[in-house]
N, C-alpha and C. Protein backbone atom coordinates (compact mmCIF):
# COMPACT_ATOMS: atom_id res chain seq x y z
N MET A 1 84.39 77.95 118.32
CA MET A 1 85.80 77.93 117.79
C MET A 1 86.68 77.25 118.81
N LYS A 2 87.48 76.32 118.42
CA LYS A 2 88.34 75.58 119.29
C LYS A 2 89.59 76.44 119.57
N SER A 3 90.09 76.30 120.89
CA SER A 3 91.23 77.05 121.16
C SER A 3 92.48 76.37 120.57
N THR A 4 93.43 77.25 120.19
CA THR A 4 94.65 76.76 119.60
C THR A 4 95.75 76.55 120.59
N ASN A 5 96.67 75.70 120.32
CA ASN A 5 97.81 75.44 121.23
C ASN A 5 98.98 76.25 120.72
N VAL A 6 99.25 77.40 121.17
CA VAL A 6 100.39 78.29 120.68
C VAL A 6 101.67 77.68 121.05
N THR A 7 101.88 76.93 122.18
CA THR A 7 103.11 76.33 122.54
C THR A 7 103.49 75.26 121.49
N ALA A 8 102.51 74.42 121.13
CA ALA A 8 102.74 73.35 120.21
C ALA A 8 103.01 74.03 118.83
N ALA A 9 102.26 75.05 118.47
CA ALA A 9 102.45 75.70 117.17
C ALA A 9 103.89 76.25 117.01
N LYS A 10 104.44 76.82 118.15
CA LYS A 10 105.77 77.33 118.14
C LYS A 10 106.74 76.23 117.79
N LYS A 11 106.53 75.05 118.45
CA LYS A 11 107.43 73.90 118.25
C LYS A 11 107.37 73.41 116.73
N TYR A 12 106.27 73.35 116.22
CA TYR A 12 106.15 72.90 114.80
C TYR A 12 106.75 73.96 113.86
N ALA A 13 106.49 75.19 114.13
CA ALA A 13 107.08 76.24 113.37
C ALA A 13 108.64 76.24 113.40
N LYS A 14 109.15 76.08 114.64
CA LYS A 14 110.66 76.07 114.82
C LYS A 14 111.18 74.83 114.03
N ALA A 15 110.57 73.74 114.12
CA ALA A 15 111.07 72.50 113.45
C ALA A 15 111.06 72.74 111.91
N MET A 16 109.96 73.31 111.38
CA MET A 16 109.94 73.62 109.99
C MET A 16 110.93 74.60 109.57
N PHE A 17 111.13 75.66 110.41
CA PHE A 17 112.18 76.67 110.04
C PHE A 17 113.58 76.03 109.95
N GLU A 18 113.88 75.17 110.88
CA GLU A 18 115.13 74.49 110.99
C GLU A 18 115.39 73.62 109.73
N VAL A 19 114.31 72.80 109.41
CA VAL A 19 114.34 72.00 108.16
C VAL A 19 114.62 72.82 106.91
N LEU A 20 113.83 73.91 106.81
CA LEU A 20 113.99 74.76 105.52
C LEU A 20 115.35 75.44 105.57
N THR A 21 115.83 75.81 106.76
CA THR A 21 117.12 76.48 106.77
C THR A 21 118.21 75.55 106.39
N ASP A 22 118.10 74.32 106.98
CA ASP A 22 119.16 73.28 106.64
C ASP A 22 119.21 72.94 105.18
N SER A 23 118.06 73.00 104.45
CA SER A 23 117.99 72.66 103.05
C SER A 23 118.14 73.94 102.20
N ASN A 24 118.42 75.03 102.73
CA ASN A 24 118.52 76.32 102.03
C ASN A 24 117.18 76.56 101.25
N ASN A 25 116.09 76.40 101.81
CA ASN A 25 114.80 76.52 101.14
C ASN A 25 113.80 77.39 101.88
N VAL A 26 114.34 78.29 102.71
CA VAL A 26 113.42 79.06 103.59
C VAL A 26 112.51 79.94 102.79
N GLU A 27 113.06 80.61 101.70
CA GLU A 27 112.22 81.59 100.92
C GLU A 27 111.04 80.85 100.25
N ASP A 28 111.39 79.75 99.59
CA ASP A 28 110.28 79.00 98.92
C ASP A 28 109.30 78.55 99.93
N GLY A 29 109.78 77.91 101.02
CA GLY A 29 108.90 77.36 102.09
C GLY A 29 108.00 78.39 102.67
N TYR A 30 108.55 79.61 102.92
CA TYR A 30 107.79 80.70 103.41
C TYR A 30 106.72 81.07 102.47
N ALA A 31 107.04 81.23 101.15
CA ALA A 31 106.02 81.61 100.23
C ALA A 31 104.95 80.61 100.14
N ASP A 32 105.30 79.30 100.12
CA ASP A 32 104.33 78.23 100.10
C ASP A 32 103.41 78.28 101.30
N LEU A 33 103.96 78.51 102.49
CA LEU A 33 103.18 78.50 103.66
C LEU A 33 102.20 79.69 103.73
N ILE A 34 102.62 80.83 103.22
CA ILE A 34 101.74 82.05 103.17
C ILE A 34 100.51 81.74 102.19
N GLU A 35 100.82 81.06 101.04
CA GLU A 35 99.68 80.72 100.23
C GLU A 35 98.78 79.70 100.87
N LEU A 36 99.37 78.72 101.63
CA LEU A 36 98.51 77.73 102.27
C LEU A 36 97.70 78.38 103.31
N ARG A 37 98.23 79.37 104.07
CA ARG A 37 97.50 80.08 105.08
C ARG A 37 96.30 80.82 104.44
N LYS A 38 96.48 81.42 103.22
CA LYS A 38 95.44 82.10 102.59
C LYS A 38 94.26 81.16 102.31
N ILE A 39 94.57 79.90 101.90
CA ILE A 39 93.53 78.88 101.62
C ILE A 39 92.75 78.51 102.88
N PHE A 40 93.45 78.27 103.93
CA PHE A 40 92.79 77.91 105.15
C PHE A 40 91.98 79.03 105.80
N ALA A 41 92.60 80.25 105.64
CA ALA A 41 91.86 81.42 106.28
C ALA A 41 90.63 81.74 105.50
N ALA A 42 90.61 81.53 104.18
CA ALA A 42 89.39 81.68 103.31
C ALA A 42 88.39 80.64 103.45
N ASN A 43 88.82 79.47 104.02
CA ASN A 43 87.89 78.26 104.12
C ASN A 43 88.01 77.64 105.43
N PRO A 44 87.54 78.34 106.45
CA PRO A 44 87.68 77.85 107.83
C PRO A 44 86.86 76.52 108.04
N LYS A 45 85.81 76.31 107.27
CA LYS A 45 85.00 75.06 107.37
C LYS A 45 85.94 73.87 106.92
N LEU A 46 86.86 74.16 106.09
CA LEU A 46 87.69 73.08 105.60
C LEU A 46 88.49 72.49 106.82
N ILE A 47 88.96 73.40 107.69
CA ILE A 47 89.66 72.94 108.93
C ILE A 47 88.81 72.09 109.76
N ASP A 48 87.57 72.55 109.90
CA ASP A 48 86.62 71.78 110.80
C ASP A 48 86.45 70.31 110.18
N ILE A 49 86.25 70.26 108.90
CA ILE A 49 86.01 68.98 108.18
C ILE A 49 87.25 68.08 108.36
N LEU A 50 88.42 68.67 108.16
CA LEU A 50 89.68 67.89 108.20
C LEU A 50 89.95 67.38 109.68
N ASP A 51 89.42 68.10 110.64
CA ASP A 51 89.55 67.75 112.05
C ASP A 51 88.52 66.83 112.52
N ASP A 52 87.47 66.65 111.73
CA ASP A 52 86.34 65.76 112.17
C ASP A 52 86.65 64.28 112.03
N MET A 53 86.59 63.52 113.10
CA MET A 53 86.83 62.17 113.15
C MET A 53 85.81 61.32 112.31
N ARG A 54 84.66 61.83 112.12
CA ARG A 54 83.56 61.21 111.39
C ARG A 54 83.76 61.18 109.90
N VAL A 55 84.65 62.02 109.44
CA VAL A 55 84.94 62.14 107.97
C VAL A 55 86.08 61.14 107.76
N SER A 56 85.91 60.36 106.69
CA SER A 56 86.89 59.27 106.29
C SER A 56 88.16 59.89 105.89
N ASP A 57 89.24 59.16 105.99
CA ASP A 57 90.57 59.65 105.46
C ASP A 57 90.55 59.79 104.01
N ASP A 58 89.85 58.95 103.29
CA ASP A 58 89.70 59.16 101.86
C ASP A 58 89.04 60.38 101.42
N LYS A 59 87.97 60.84 102.14
CA LYS A 59 87.28 62.02 101.91
C LYS A 59 88.24 63.22 102.21
N LYS A 60 88.92 63.14 103.27
CA LYS A 60 89.96 64.21 103.65
C LYS A 60 91.01 64.35 102.58
N LYS A 61 91.46 63.22 102.05
CA LYS A 61 92.45 63.25 101.00
C LYS A 61 91.92 63.95 99.79
N SER A 62 90.70 63.61 99.44
CA SER A 62 90.07 64.20 98.27
C SER A 62 89.82 65.68 98.37
N LEU A 63 89.56 66.11 99.68
CA LEU A 63 89.36 67.55 99.89
C LEU A 63 90.70 68.33 99.82
N LEU A 64 91.78 67.58 100.26
CA LEU A 64 93.12 68.24 100.13
C LEU A 64 93.76 68.11 98.73
N ALA A 65 93.19 67.23 97.90
CA ALA A 65 93.83 66.96 96.53
C ALA A 65 94.12 68.28 95.80
N PRO A 66 93.18 69.23 95.69
CA PRO A 66 93.42 70.42 94.89
C PRO A 66 94.63 71.22 95.53
N ILE A 67 94.88 71.12 96.79
CA ILE A 67 96.01 71.85 97.39
C ILE A 67 97.25 71.03 97.12
N THR A 68 97.27 69.72 97.40
CA THR A 68 98.49 68.93 97.38
C THR A 68 98.95 68.60 96.02
N GLN A 69 98.08 68.61 94.99
CA GLN A 69 98.50 68.03 93.72
C GLN A 69 99.61 68.92 93.13
N ASN A 70 99.68 70.20 93.29
CA ASN A 70 100.70 71.05 92.66
C ASN A 70 101.62 71.64 93.81
N ALA A 71 101.49 71.15 95.08
CA ALA A 71 102.31 71.67 96.08
C ALA A 71 103.63 71.07 96.14
N SER A 72 104.51 71.74 96.87
CA SER A 72 105.91 71.29 97.02
C SER A 72 105.94 70.04 97.97
N ASP A 73 107.00 69.33 97.97
CA ASP A 73 107.19 68.19 98.84
C ASP A 73 107.05 68.69 100.28
N PHE A 74 107.69 69.86 100.54
CA PHE A 74 107.61 70.41 101.85
C PHE A 74 106.17 70.61 102.39
N ILE A 75 105.35 71.24 101.53
CA ILE A 75 103.92 71.44 101.97
C ILE A 75 103.15 70.05 102.09
N ASN A 76 103.39 69.18 101.19
CA ASN A 76 102.74 67.89 101.27
C ASN A 76 103.19 67.15 102.55
N ASN A 77 104.41 67.17 102.88
CA ASN A 77 104.95 66.57 104.14
C ASN A 77 104.33 67.35 105.39
N PHE A 78 104.28 68.61 105.31
CA PHE A 78 103.69 69.44 106.39
C PHE A 78 102.28 69.07 106.65
N LEU A 79 101.55 68.93 105.58
CA LEU A 79 100.06 68.57 105.68
C LEU A 79 99.87 67.11 106.20
N LYS A 80 100.76 66.23 105.87
CA LYS A 80 100.77 64.83 106.44
C LYS A 80 100.97 64.84 107.91
N VAL A 81 101.96 65.67 108.39
CA VAL A 81 102.29 65.65 109.79
C VAL A 81 101.11 66.29 110.47
N VAL A 82 100.62 67.38 110.01
CA VAL A 82 99.39 68.10 110.61
C VAL A 82 98.21 67.07 110.72
N ALA A 83 97.98 66.34 109.69
CA ALA A 83 96.93 65.38 109.75
C ALA A 83 97.19 64.18 110.68
N SER A 84 98.47 63.72 110.72
CA SER A 84 98.70 62.52 111.57
C SER A 84 98.72 62.93 113.04
N TYR A 85 98.99 64.15 113.36
CA TYR A 85 98.96 64.61 114.75
C TYR A 85 97.76 65.43 115.15
N GLN A 86 96.75 65.36 114.18
CA GLN A 86 95.50 66.04 114.42
C GLN A 86 95.57 67.45 114.75
N ARG A 87 96.39 68.24 114.00
CA ARG A 87 96.66 69.63 114.31
C ARG A 87 96.00 70.61 113.25
N PHE A 88 95.05 70.17 112.59
CA PHE A 88 94.35 71.09 111.63
C PHE A 88 93.79 72.32 112.32
N PRO A 89 93.23 72.14 113.55
CA PRO A 89 92.73 73.41 114.19
C PRO A 89 93.86 74.47 114.48
N ASP A 90 95.07 73.97 114.52
CA ASP A 90 96.17 74.86 114.80
C ASP A 90 97.00 75.33 113.54
N ILE A 91 96.60 74.84 112.36
CA ILE A 91 97.45 75.09 111.15
C ILE A 91 97.69 76.58 110.92
N ILE A 92 96.72 77.43 111.07
CA ILE A 92 96.98 78.87 110.84
C ILE A 92 97.96 79.45 111.92
N THR A 93 97.80 79.02 113.16
CA THR A 93 98.68 79.42 114.22
C THR A 93 100.03 78.97 114.01
N ILE A 94 100.16 77.74 113.48
CA ILE A 94 101.53 77.18 113.16
C ILE A 94 102.19 78.05 112.04
N ILE A 95 101.51 78.35 111.08
CA ILE A 95 101.97 79.13 109.91
C ILE A 95 102.33 80.59 110.57
N ASP A 96 101.41 81.12 111.30
CA ASP A 96 101.74 82.48 111.88
C ASP A 96 103.00 82.48 112.76
N GLN A 97 103.19 81.41 113.49
CA GLN A 97 104.44 81.32 114.31
C GLN A 97 105.72 81.16 113.40
N PHE A 98 105.49 80.42 112.26
CA PHE A 98 106.63 80.32 111.26
C PHE A 98 106.92 81.72 110.75
N GLN A 99 105.83 82.45 110.40
CA GLN A 99 105.99 83.83 109.83
C GLN A 99 106.83 84.72 110.86
N LYS A 100 106.55 84.59 112.17
CA LYS A 100 107.27 85.35 113.11
C LYS A 100 108.73 84.97 113.13
N LEU A 101 109.04 83.70 113.07
CA LEU A 101 110.47 83.25 113.01
C LEU A 101 111.13 83.80 111.77
N TYR A 102 110.47 83.72 110.59
CA TYR A 102 110.99 84.11 109.36
C TYR A 102 111.28 85.67 109.44
N GLU A 103 110.32 86.42 109.95
CA GLU A 103 110.50 87.81 110.02
C GLU A 103 111.57 88.25 111.01
N ASP A 104 111.70 87.52 112.09
CA ASP A 104 112.81 87.79 113.06
C ASP A 104 114.14 87.61 112.38
N ASP A 105 114.24 86.49 111.61
CA ASP A 105 115.44 86.02 110.99
C ASP A 105 115.82 87.08 109.95
N LYS A 106 114.86 87.64 109.24
CA LYS A 106 115.11 88.60 108.12
C LYS A 106 115.09 90.05 108.59
N LYS A 107 114.92 90.28 109.93
CA LYS A 107 114.86 91.55 110.55
C LYS A 107 113.74 92.47 109.96
N ILE A 108 112.58 91.73 109.80
CA ILE A 108 111.36 92.49 109.34
C ILE A 108 110.56 92.79 110.51
N VAL A 109 110.07 94.02 110.64
CA VAL A 109 109.31 94.50 111.74
C VAL A 109 107.97 94.92 111.16
N ARG A 110 106.93 94.51 111.88
CA ARG A 110 105.62 94.97 111.60
C ARG A 110 105.18 96.04 112.56
N ALA A 111 104.49 97.01 112.11
CA ALA A 111 104.05 98.08 112.98
C ALA A 111 102.69 98.64 112.47
N GLU A 112 101.94 99.22 113.53
CA GLU A 112 100.64 99.75 113.11
C GLU A 112 100.94 101.29 113.15
N VAL A 113 100.48 102.00 112.15
CA VAL A 113 100.62 103.44 112.08
C VAL A 113 99.25 104.09 112.08
N LEU A 114 98.98 104.93 113.10
CA LEU A 114 97.72 105.64 113.14
C LEU A 114 98.10 107.11 112.80
N SER A 115 97.32 107.62 111.95
CA SER A 115 97.45 109.04 111.56
C SER A 115 96.08 109.74 111.52
N ALA A 116 96.14 111.10 111.71
CA ALA A 116 94.86 111.82 111.66
C ALA A 116 94.24 111.87 110.24
N THR A 117 95.20 111.86 109.23
CA THR A 117 94.73 111.80 107.84
C THR A 117 95.42 110.70 107.10
N GLU A 118 94.90 110.30 105.94
CA GLU A 118 95.51 109.36 105.16
C GLU A 118 96.91 109.69 104.70
N LEU A 119 97.90 108.78 104.91
CA LEU A 119 99.29 109.03 104.42
C LEU A 119 99.47 108.67 102.98
N ASP A 120 100.17 109.54 102.26
CA ASP A 120 100.43 109.17 100.85
C ASP A 120 101.68 108.19 100.81
N ASP A 121 101.98 107.59 99.66
CA ASP A 121 103.06 106.71 99.55
C ASP A 121 104.38 107.22 99.91
N ASP A 122 104.65 108.52 99.54
CA ASP A 122 105.98 109.13 99.87
C ASP A 122 106.11 109.30 101.39
N GLN A 123 105.02 109.66 102.06
CA GLN A 123 105.10 109.80 103.53
C GLN A 123 105.35 108.45 104.16
N LYS A 124 104.68 107.40 103.67
CA LYS A 124 104.86 106.06 104.12
C LYS A 124 106.28 105.58 104.02
N ASP A 125 106.81 105.84 102.83
CA ASP A 125 108.17 105.37 102.54
C ASP A 125 109.20 106.10 103.43
N ARG A 126 109.03 107.45 103.65
CA ARG A 126 109.93 108.20 104.48
C ARG A 126 109.81 107.74 106.00
N LEU A 127 108.63 107.48 106.37
CA LEU A 127 108.33 107.01 107.69
C LEU A 127 108.95 105.68 107.91
N ALA A 128 108.81 104.76 106.91
CA ALA A 128 109.37 103.38 107.07
C ALA A 128 110.87 103.42 107.15
N LYS A 129 111.53 104.26 106.34
CA LYS A 129 113.02 104.31 106.42
C LYS A 129 113.54 104.85 107.78
N ALA A 130 112.77 105.90 108.26
CA ALA A 130 113.16 106.42 109.57
C ALA A 130 112.93 105.43 110.70
N PHE A 131 111.82 104.66 110.64
CA PHE A 131 111.53 103.69 111.62
C PHE A 131 112.49 102.50 111.53
N GLU A 132 112.88 102.07 110.30
CA GLU A 132 113.87 101.02 110.05
C GLU A 132 115.19 101.41 110.86
N LYS A 133 115.61 102.66 110.61
CA LYS A 133 116.81 103.05 111.32
C LYS A 133 116.69 103.04 112.84
N ARG A 134 115.51 103.49 113.22
CA ARG A 134 115.21 103.62 114.74
C ARG A 134 115.29 102.23 115.45
N VAL A 135 114.64 101.25 114.79
CA VAL A 135 114.57 99.93 115.42
C VAL A 135 115.58 98.92 114.87
N GLY A 136 116.45 99.35 113.94
CA GLY A 136 117.46 98.49 113.38
C GLY A 136 116.94 97.35 112.50
N ALA A 137 115.87 97.65 111.74
CA ALA A 137 115.17 96.68 110.93
C ALA A 137 115.70 96.76 109.51
N ALA A 138 115.71 95.59 108.78
CA ALA A 138 116.04 95.62 107.37
C ALA A 138 114.81 96.07 106.57
N LYS A 139 113.64 95.75 107.15
CA LYS A 139 112.40 96.19 106.39
C LYS A 139 111.32 96.41 107.40
N VAL A 140 110.39 97.37 107.17
CA VAL A 140 109.25 97.59 108.03
C VAL A 140 107.96 97.41 107.18
N ILE A 141 107.00 96.74 107.71
CA ILE A 141 105.67 96.52 107.10
C ILE A 141 104.75 97.28 108.00
N PHE A 142 104.09 98.25 107.39
CA PHE A 142 103.17 99.12 108.12
C PHE A 142 101.68 98.72 107.84
N ASP A 143 100.87 98.69 108.92
CA ASP A 143 99.46 98.63 108.69
C ASP A 143 98.94 99.97 109.09
N THR A 144 98.56 100.79 108.13
CA THR A 144 98.15 102.13 108.39
C THR A 144 96.65 102.27 108.61
N LYS A 145 96.30 103.09 109.54
CA LYS A 145 94.90 103.38 109.78
C LYS A 145 94.70 104.83 110.07
N VAL A 146 93.62 105.32 109.78
CA VAL A 146 93.25 106.76 110.07
C VAL A 146 92.48 106.85 111.38
N ASP A 147 92.93 107.73 112.28
CA ASP A 147 92.19 107.89 113.56
C ASP A 147 92.14 109.38 113.70
N LYS A 148 90.93 109.94 113.36
CA LYS A 148 90.77 111.44 113.38
C LYS A 148 90.87 112.01 114.79
N SER A 149 90.72 111.17 115.84
CA SER A 149 90.77 111.70 117.15
C SER A 149 92.19 112.06 117.55
N LEU A 150 93.21 111.71 116.72
CA LEU A 150 94.61 112.13 117.01
C LEU A 150 94.78 113.63 116.74
N ILE A 151 93.89 114.27 116.01
CA ILE A 151 93.94 115.67 115.64
C ILE A 151 94.97 115.96 114.62
N GLY A 152 96.18 115.54 114.83
CA GLY A 152 97.28 115.62 113.88
C GLY A 152 98.42 114.75 114.33
N GLY A 153 99.48 114.54 113.56
CA GLY A 153 100.63 113.71 113.89
C GLY A 153 100.28 112.23 113.67
N ILE A 154 101.21 111.41 114.19
CA ILE A 154 101.08 109.98 114.06
C ILE A 154 101.39 109.21 115.33
N VAL A 155 100.95 107.96 115.38
CA VAL A 155 101.33 107.03 116.46
C VAL A 155 101.78 105.80 115.76
N ILE A 156 103.03 105.30 116.15
CA ILE A 156 103.53 104.01 115.57
C ILE A 156 103.62 103.07 116.69
N LYS A 157 103.09 101.94 116.54
CA LYS A 157 103.17 100.81 117.57
C LYS A 157 103.68 99.52 116.88
N SER A 158 104.78 99.00 117.44
CA SER A 158 105.28 97.73 116.99
C SER A 158 105.31 96.87 118.29
N SER A 159 105.85 95.66 118.19
CA SER A 159 105.82 94.74 119.29
C SER A 159 106.50 95.32 120.55
N ASP A 160 107.56 96.06 120.34
CA ASP A 160 108.32 96.59 121.52
C ASP A 160 108.57 98.07 121.55
N VAL A 161 108.02 98.81 120.59
CA VAL A 161 108.15 100.23 120.56
C VAL A 161 106.84 100.97 120.23
N ILE A 162 106.66 102.02 120.98
CA ILE A 162 105.46 102.87 120.75
C ILE A 162 106.04 104.34 120.65
N ILE A 163 105.76 104.93 119.50
CA ILE A 163 106.16 106.36 119.30
C ILE A 163 104.92 107.15 119.13
N ASP A 164 104.66 108.09 120.07
CA ASP A 164 103.41 108.79 119.95
C ASP A 164 103.69 110.30 119.70
N GLY A 165 103.51 110.65 118.47
CA GLY A 165 103.80 112.09 118.04
C GLY A 165 102.44 112.73 117.66
N SER A 166 101.36 112.35 118.39
CA SER A 166 100.07 112.88 118.00
C SER A 166 99.80 114.26 118.74
N VAL A 167 99.04 115.07 118.13
CA VAL A 167 98.59 116.29 118.73
C VAL A 167 97.77 116.07 119.95
N ARG A 168 96.89 115.00 119.86
CA ARG A 168 96.05 114.67 120.99
C ARG A 168 96.91 114.45 122.29
N THR A 169 97.92 113.74 122.13
CA THR A 169 98.88 113.48 123.25
C THR A 169 99.49 114.72 123.82
N ARG A 170 99.94 115.54 122.92
CA ARG A 170 100.55 116.80 123.28
C ARG A 170 99.58 117.70 124.06
N ILE A 171 98.28 117.76 123.57
CA ILE A 171 97.29 118.55 124.20
C ILE A 171 97.05 117.90 125.62
N ASN A 172 96.99 116.66 125.72
CA ASN A 172 96.75 116.01 126.97
C ASN A 172 97.89 116.35 128.00
N LYS A 173 99.07 116.34 127.52
CA LYS A 173 100.27 116.65 128.37
C LYS A 173 100.17 118.09 128.89
N VAL A 174 99.86 118.99 128.01
CA VAL A 174 99.70 120.38 128.37
C VAL A 174 98.57 120.53 129.38
N LYS A 175 97.49 119.88 129.11
CA LYS A 175 96.32 119.94 130.11
C LYS A 175 96.72 119.43 131.42
N GLU A 176 97.47 118.33 131.43
CA GLU A 176 97.97 117.73 132.67
C GLU A 176 98.84 118.70 133.46
N LEU A 177 99.77 119.39 132.70
CA LEU A 177 100.64 120.39 133.33
C LEU A 177 99.88 121.57 133.98
N LEU A 178 98.86 122.05 133.22
CA LEU A 178 98.12 123.10 133.74
C LEU A 178 97.23 122.78 134.92
N LEU A 179 96.77 121.56 134.99
CA LEU A 179 95.95 121.16 136.06
C LEU A 179 96.75 120.81 137.37
N ASN A 180 98.01 120.61 137.22
CA ASN A 180 98.83 120.22 138.41
C ASN A 180 99.63 121.35 138.92
């Protein structure tokens, strides 16, 4: 797998975000990019073929045709830029960087929630509302996982906040106090 250039991806993402903001088209552009990301994530070989210098431009265009034929002008222009600067190996990273800009702008926070047992929808909703207030977010998107080693409680991790309310941590703190 080839390494991606995150610095370049950030520049492309920022430029796209500015273009879409100026044209009041951020929502549509974001939705289109997320769909495009799904296509490339599901077909990693397509990226390799589009990056291969031995494959003719006509063949590359025919491979992209199912994507470009119903795509917006924005997506078609984006794909042309990616092709002309040979950035297909970075396309998913570019879209991921755009998503970060979008979520920052919309005050959307992603967080991982670990719990000892599966959380029901009501618990997730209440937890999301409390976490939104805590971090000042308009919306929180949780990736929930079960970790039985927590014994009880939850741990929430986002990019700049960790809240550990697990029984395991409390036991470890008591153990530390008793040993010292």
